[in-house]
Amino acid sequence: MSLIKSFFAKLLSGRRQKVPFPDASEGEISPDEARAVGGFQIKFGMRFTRPLLLATALKHRSYLNMTNEPRTLSNERLEFLGDAVLDLVVTHYLYEKFPNKAEGHLSKVKSILVSKPVLADIAVDMDLGELVLMNRGEEKTGGRQRKSILADAFEAVIGAIYLDPGLGLDAASRFIHRYLLSEFKKIIRKGLYRNYKSILLEFAQSSARTLPDYRVVRELGPDHAKEFVVEVWIANQKLGEGKGKSKKIAEQEAAKLAVRALELDEKH
């Protein structure tokens, strides 16, 4: 972790003193903010020396309509910073985990791990949505379950942890490892690690300027234990056939065979 600390120390050398970060400015927090901050610290066992940072990280821009604060005091700036911290920590993790994998493979895996859907799922598991500050209109329209809001809040919290003088990069890295990277195998099992349908779609659009055509050709077994057989075609050519307990699984299997037949596997 010393290499990461050195990198960020050089990157941000002196900036915190010369240009005050508005989200980190001293000041009182409202009762709503205090409840959110207290709830987070108790739930996740973290103690912020500057609780206003955490309050800002949990503040969706809709909340500012109630407080008449400038938009720079929403969590968007901390999300921007947290995204960079997350990117670095995940990149370092993958570099160490896969010493024999090429850059293209590492990049593909990283893009999945830091994607909004994955971050949102992690935030759901953490019940982070219950702590996000938003106005009533946003809440009534499902804001606490909205994936974009959850993913953004997760990244903003990382930014706040990194900036807090009592926590910093080591704590941010531990947070990322505990709640995201510890789920690496689970993400693989869910099929997010290698989505053959996405690989095949990318190939079809770029090379054949068309879309893969998945066709259910057979249904096997009784209704309570049915299996589906699916073929995948591109430009009137059959490229693979897969079988599974659902159409989605069968399509993924068919796409896998097509990807291998086209020798696309090593390119991803």
Protein backbone atom coordinates (compact mmCIF):
# COMPACT_ATOMS: atom_id res chain seq x y z
CA MET A 1 0.00 0.00 0.00
CA SER A 2 3.04 2.26 0.40
CA LEU A 3 3.27 2.67 -3.39
CA ILE A 4 -0.34 3.84 -3.56
CA LYS A 5 0.16 6.25 -0.67
CA SER A 6 3.27 7.66 -2.34
CA PHE A 7 1.41 8.12 -5.64
CA PHE A 8 -1.47 10.02 -4.08
CA ALA A 9 0.84 12.03 -1.84
CA LYS A 10 2.70 13.31 -4.88
CA LEU A 11 -0.47 13.83 -6.89
CA LEU A 12 -2.15 15.93 -4.23
CA SER A 13 0.95 17.38 -2.56
CA GLY A 14 0.09 20.61 -0.82
CA ARG A 15 -3.34 21.00 -2.42
CA ARG A 16 -5.34 20.49 0.74
CA GLN A 17 -3.59 23.40 2.43
CA LYS A 18 -3.55 25.77 -0.54
CA VAL A 19 -7.07 25.18 -1.84
CA PRO A 20 -9.60 24.32 0.89
CA PHE A 21 -11.90 21.51 -0.19
CA PRO A 22 -15.42 22.91 0.30
CA ASP A 23 -16.82 19.56 1.36
CA ALA A 24 -14.24 19.37 4.16
CA SER A 25 -14.84 22.84 5.58
CA GLU A 26 -15.52 23.08 9.29
CA GLY A 27 -19.05 23.82 10.38
CA GLU A 28 -22.08 22.51 12.16
CA ILE A 29 -24.17 19.74 10.68
CA SER A 30 -27.94 19.58 10.72
CA PRO A 31 -29.93 17.05 12.78
CA ASP A 32 -30.65 15.04 9.59
CA GLU A 33 -26.97 14.99 8.73
CA ALA A 34 -26.04 14.04 12.29
CA ARG A 35 -28.43 11.08 12.19
CA ALA A 36 -27.02 9.89 8.86
CA VAL A 37 -23.43 10.29 10.02
CA GLY A 38 -24.10 8.59 13.34
CA GLY A 39 -25.93 5.74 11.67
CA PHE A 40 -23.09 5.16 9.23
CA GLN A 41 -20.37 5.25 11.88
CA ILE A 42 -22.22 2.81 14.13
CA LYS A 43 -23.18 0.46 11.30
CA PHE A 44 -19.74 0.31 9.68
CA GLY A 45 -17.53 0.85 12.70
CA MET A 46 -15.76 3.94 11.40
CA ARG A 47 -15.03 7.19 13.21
CA PHE A 48 -14.64 10.35 11.15
CA THR A 49 -12.62 13.19 12.65
CA ARG A 50 -14.41 15.53 10.23
CA PRO A 51 -18.03 14.28 10.18
CA LEU A 52 -19.02 16.99 7.73
CA LEU A 53 -17.12 15.06 5.06
CA LEU A 54 -19.29 12.00 5.62
CA ALA A 55 -22.44 14.12 5.76
CA THR A 56 -21.53 15.55 2.35
CA ALA A 57 -20.84 12.08 0.95
CA LEU A 58 -24.36 11.01 1.93
CA LYS A 59 -26.03 14.12 0.52
CA HIS A 60 -27.85 13.63 -2.80
CA ARG A 61 -28.29 16.80 -4.81
CA SER A 62 -32.08 16.71 -4.33
CA TYR A 63 -31.52 17.35 -0.62
CA LEU A 64 -30.06 20.76 -1.46
CA ASN A 65 -33.51 21.87 -2.66
CA MET A 66 -34.57 21.73 0.99
CA THR A 67 -31.52 23.50 2.41
CA ASN A 68 -30.79 26.03 -0.36
CA GLU A 69 -27.13 25.00 -0.38
CA PRO A 70 -25.01 25.29 -3.55
CA ARG A 71 -24.74 22.17 -5.71
CA THR A 72 -21.03 21.89 -4.89
CA LEU A 73 -22.12 20.74 -1.43
CA SER A 74 -23.86 17.63 -2.77
CA ASN A 75 -21.90 14.37 -2.90
CA GLU A 76 -20.97 14.79 -6.57
CA ARG A 77 -17.46 16.17 -5.96
CA LEU A 78 -16.68 13.43 -3.44
CA GLU A 79 -18.03 10.87 -5.90
CA PHE A 80 -15.56 12.20 -8.48
CA LEU A 81 -12.68 11.80 -6.03
CA GLY A 82 -13.88 8.44 -4.73
CA ASP A 83 -14.08 7.11 -8.27
CA ALA A 84 -10.35 7.82 -8.71
CA VAL A 85 -9.45 6.21 -5.36
CA LEU A 86 -11.58 3.16 -6.17
CA ASP A 87 -9.98 2.86 -9.59
CA LEU A 88 -6.48 2.89 -8.13
CA VAL A 89 -7.17 0.41 -5.33
CA VAL A 90 -8.95 -2.04 -7.65
CA THR A 91 -6.20 -1.71 -10.28
CA HIS A 92 -3.53 -2.45 -7.66
CA TYR A 93 -5.52 -5.44 -6.39
CA LEU A 94 -5.89 -6.94 -9.87
CA TYR A 95 -2.23 -6.30 -10.70
CA GLU A 96 -1.22 -8.36 -7.67
CA LYS A 97 -3.93 -11.02 -8.07
CA PHE A 98 -3.26 -11.79 -11.74
CA PRO A 99 0.52 -11.53 -12.32
CA ASN A 100 0.34 -13.48 -15.57
CA LYS A 101 -2.63 -11.75 -17.18
CA ALA A 102 -2.27 -9.18 -19.96
CA GLU A 103 -3.39 -5.56 -19.67
CA GLY A 104 -6.50 -6.22 -21.74
CA HIS A 105 -7.72 -8.88 -19.33
CA LEU A 106 -7.03 -6.72 -16.28
CA SER A 107 -8.83 -3.78 -17.87
CA LYS A 108 -11.87 -5.91 -18.66
CA VAL A 109 -12.14 -7.26 -15.12
CA LYS A 110 -11.61 -3.83 -13.58
CA SER A 111 -14.34 -2.28 -15.72
CA ILE A 112 -16.76 -4.88 -14.36
CA LEU A 113 -15.75 -4.46 -10.72
CA VAL A 114 -16.09 -0.66 -10.76
CA SER A 115 -19.22 -0.61 -12.92
CA LYS A 116 -22.31 1.16 -11.62
CA PRO A 117 -24.48 -2.00 -11.45
CA VAL A 118 -21.90 -3.83 -9.34
CA LEU A 119 -21.34 -0.87 -7.01
CA ALA A 120 -25.10 -0.41 -6.66
CA ASP A 121 -25.54 -4.08 -5.71
CA ILE A 122 -22.84 -3.71 -3.07
CA ALA A 123 -24.56 -0.58 -1.73
CA VAL A 124 -27.87 -2.47 -1.56
CA ASP A 125 -26.22 -5.24 0.47
CA MET A 126 -24.86 -2.56 2.82
CA ASP A 127 -28.29 -0.86 3.15
CA LEU A 128 -26.51 2.36 2.22
CA GLY A 129 -29.68 3.78 0.67
CA GLU A 130 -31.27 4.14 4.10
CA LEU A 131 -28.58 6.66 5.06
CA VAL A 132 -28.59 8.81 1.92
CA LEU A 133 -30.01 12.30 2.44
CA MET A 134 -32.55 13.26 -0.24
CA ASN A 135 -35.75 15.27 -0.51
CA ARG A 136 -39.21 13.74 -0.15
CA GLY A 137 -39.93 13.84 -3.87
CA GLU A 138 -36.84 11.79 -4.67
CA GLU A 139 -37.63 9.35 -1.89
CA LYS A 140 -41.25 8.89 -3.02
CA THR A 141 -40.12 8.01 -6.55
CA GLY A 142 -37.83 5.23 -5.31
CA GLY A 143 -34.65 7.21 -4.79
CA ARG A 144 -33.42 4.99 -1.97
CA GLN A 145 -33.44 2.02 -4.32
CA ARG A 146 -32.21 3.87 -7.42
CA LYS A 147 -29.01 2.21 -8.56
CA SER A 148 -27.35 5.36 -9.86
CA ILE A 149 -27.85 7.11 -6.50
CA LEU A 150 -26.55 4.10 -4.56
CA ALA A 151 -23.45 3.65 -6.72
CA ASP A 152 -22.66 7.37 -6.53
CA ALA A 153 -23.04 7.36 -2.74
CA PHE A 154 -20.70 4.37 -2.43
CA GLU A 155 -18.00 6.21 -4.39
CA ALA A 156 -18.60 9.45 -2.48
CA VAL A 157 -18.13 7.63 0.83
CA ILE A 158 -14.79 6.31 -0.44
CA GLY A 159 -13.78 9.88 -1.28
CA ALA A 160 -14.77 11.06 2.20
CA ILE A 161 -12.81 8.28 3.89
CA TYR A 162 -9.75 9.13 1.81
CA LEU A 163 -9.93 12.84 2.70
CA ASP A 164 -10.59 12.42 6.41
CA PRO A 165 -7.35 13.11 8.34
CA GLY A 166 -8.04 10.30 10.79
CA LEU A 167 -8.73 7.70 8.09
CA GLY A 168 -7.04 8.30 4.73
CA LEU A 169 -6.03 5.98 1.91
CA ASP A 170 -5.34 2.91 4.05
CA ALA A 171 -8.84 3.08 5.52
CA ALA A 172 -10.36 3.68 2.08
CA SER A 173 -8.52 0.63 0.76
CA ARG A 174 -9.74 -1.51 3.67
CA PHE A 175 -13.30 -0.31 3.04
CA ILE A 176 -13.06 -1.23 -0.66
CA HIS A 177 -11.56 -4.64 0.12
CA ARG A 178 -14.16 -5.41 2.78
CA TYR A 179 -17.27 -4.49 0.84
CA LEU A 180 -16.31 -4.88 -2.83
CA LEU A 181 -13.22 -6.99 -3.40
CA SER A 182 -14.27 -9.57 -0.81
CA GLU A 183 -17.20 -10.26 -3.16
CA PHE A 184 -14.92 -10.98 -6.12
CA LYS A 185 -15.75 -14.70 -6.27
CA LYS A 186 -19.45 -14.00 -5.86
CA ILE A 187 -19.34 -11.62 -8.80
CA ILE A 188 -17.67 -14.35 -10.85
CA ARG A 189 -20.31 -16.89 -9.89
CA LYS A 190 -23.07 -14.50 -10.91
CA GLY A 191 -21.59 -14.45 -14.39
CA LEU A 192 -20.45 -10.83 -14.28
CA TYR A 193 -16.79 -11.79 -14.57
CA ARG A 194 -17.03 -12.97 -18.16
CA ASN A 195 -20.18 -12.16 -20.07
CA TYR A 196 -19.86 -14.05 -23.33
CA LYS A 197 -23.02 -12.48 -24.69
CA SER A 198 -21.46 -9.04 -24.30
CA ILE A 199 -18.26 -10.16 -26.04
CA LEU A 200 -20.24 -11.64 -28.91
CA LEU A 201 -22.45 -8.56 -29.16
CA GLU A 202 -19.39 -6.32 -29.39
CA PHE A 203 -17.96 -8.50 -32.17
CA ALA A 204 -21.23 -8.64 -34.12
CA GLN A 205 -21.72 -4.88 -34.00
CA SER A 206 -18.15 -4.00 -34.96
CA SER A 207 -17.44 -6.74 -37.52
CA ALA A 208 -20.76 -7.79 -39.01
CA ARG A 209 -22.77 -4.65 -38.20
CA THR A 210 -25.63 -6.76 -36.95
CA LEU A 211 -26.85 -8.34 -33.72
CA PRO A 212 -26.56 -11.96 -32.56
CA ASP A 213 -29.79 -13.89 -33.08
CA TYR A 214 -30.60 -16.33 -30.26
CA ARG A 215 -33.12 -19.03 -31.19
CA VAL A 216 -34.75 -21.54 -28.84
CA VAL A 217 -34.70 -24.72 -30.92
CA ARG A 218 -35.75 -27.32 -28.33
CA GLU A 219 -37.29 -27.64 -24.87
CA LEU A 220 -36.40 -30.81 -22.99
CA GLY A 221 -37.92 -32.51 -19.94
CA PRO A 222 -41.08 -31.94 -17.88
CA ASP A 223 -42.32 -28.48 -16.95
CA HIS A 224 -40.88 -28.64 -13.42
CA ALA A 225 -37.39 -29.55 -14.70
CA LYS A 226 -37.26 -28.08 -18.17
CA GLU A 227 -34.06 -27.44 -20.10
CA PHE A 228 -33.71 -25.16 -23.09
CA VAL A 229 -31.51 -25.58 -26.15
CA VAL A 230 -30.55 -22.31 -27.82
CA GLU A 231 -28.62 -21.60 -31.01
CA VAL A 232 -26.87 -18.33 -31.74
CA TRP A 233 -26.61 -17.02 -35.29
CA ILE A 234 -24.75 -14.08 -36.81
CA ALA A 235 -25.21 -13.06 -40.44
CA ASN A 236 -27.17 -16.24 -41.22
CA GLN A 237 -24.43 -18.46 -39.80
CA LYS A 238 -24.85 -20.69 -36.78
CA LEU A 239 -21.94 -20.17 -34.40
CA GLY A 240 -22.91 -22.05 -31.26
CA GLU A 241 -25.47 -24.10 -29.37
CA GLY A 242 -26.03 -24.14 -25.63
CA LYS A 243 -28.24 -25.87 -23.09
CA GLY A 244 -29.43 -24.67 -19.69
CA LYS A 245 -32.19 -24.64 -17.11
CA SER A 246 -33.23 -21.19 -18.28
CA LYS A 247 -33.12 -19.42 -21.62
CA LYS A 248 -30.54 -16.96 -20.27
CA ILE A 249 -28.18 -19.74 -19.20
CA ALA A 250 -28.60 -21.50 -22.53
CA GLU A 251 -27.91 -18.25 -24.40
CA GLN A 252 -24.76 -17.68 -22.35
CA GLU A 253 -23.55 -21.20 -23.12
CA ALA A 254 -24.24 -20.74 -26.82
CA ALA A 255 -22.42 -17.42 -26.79
CA LYS A 256 -19.44 -19.03 -25.03
CA LEU A 257 -19.08 -21.61 -27.81
CA ALA A 258 -19.42 -18.89 -30.44
CA VAL A 259 -16.76 -16.74 -28.76
CA ARG A 260 -14.37 -19.69 -28.70
CA ALA A 261 -15.15 -20.64 -32.29
CA LEU A 262 -14.34 -17.10 -33.38
CA GLU A 263 -11.19 -17.15 -31.21
CA LEU A 264 -12.35 -14.05 -29.36
CA ASP A 265 -11.63 -15.51 -25.93
CA GLU A 266 -7.95 -14.56 -25.82
CA LYS A 267 -8.72 -11.02 -26.97
CA HIS A 268 -10.77 -10.44 -23.85
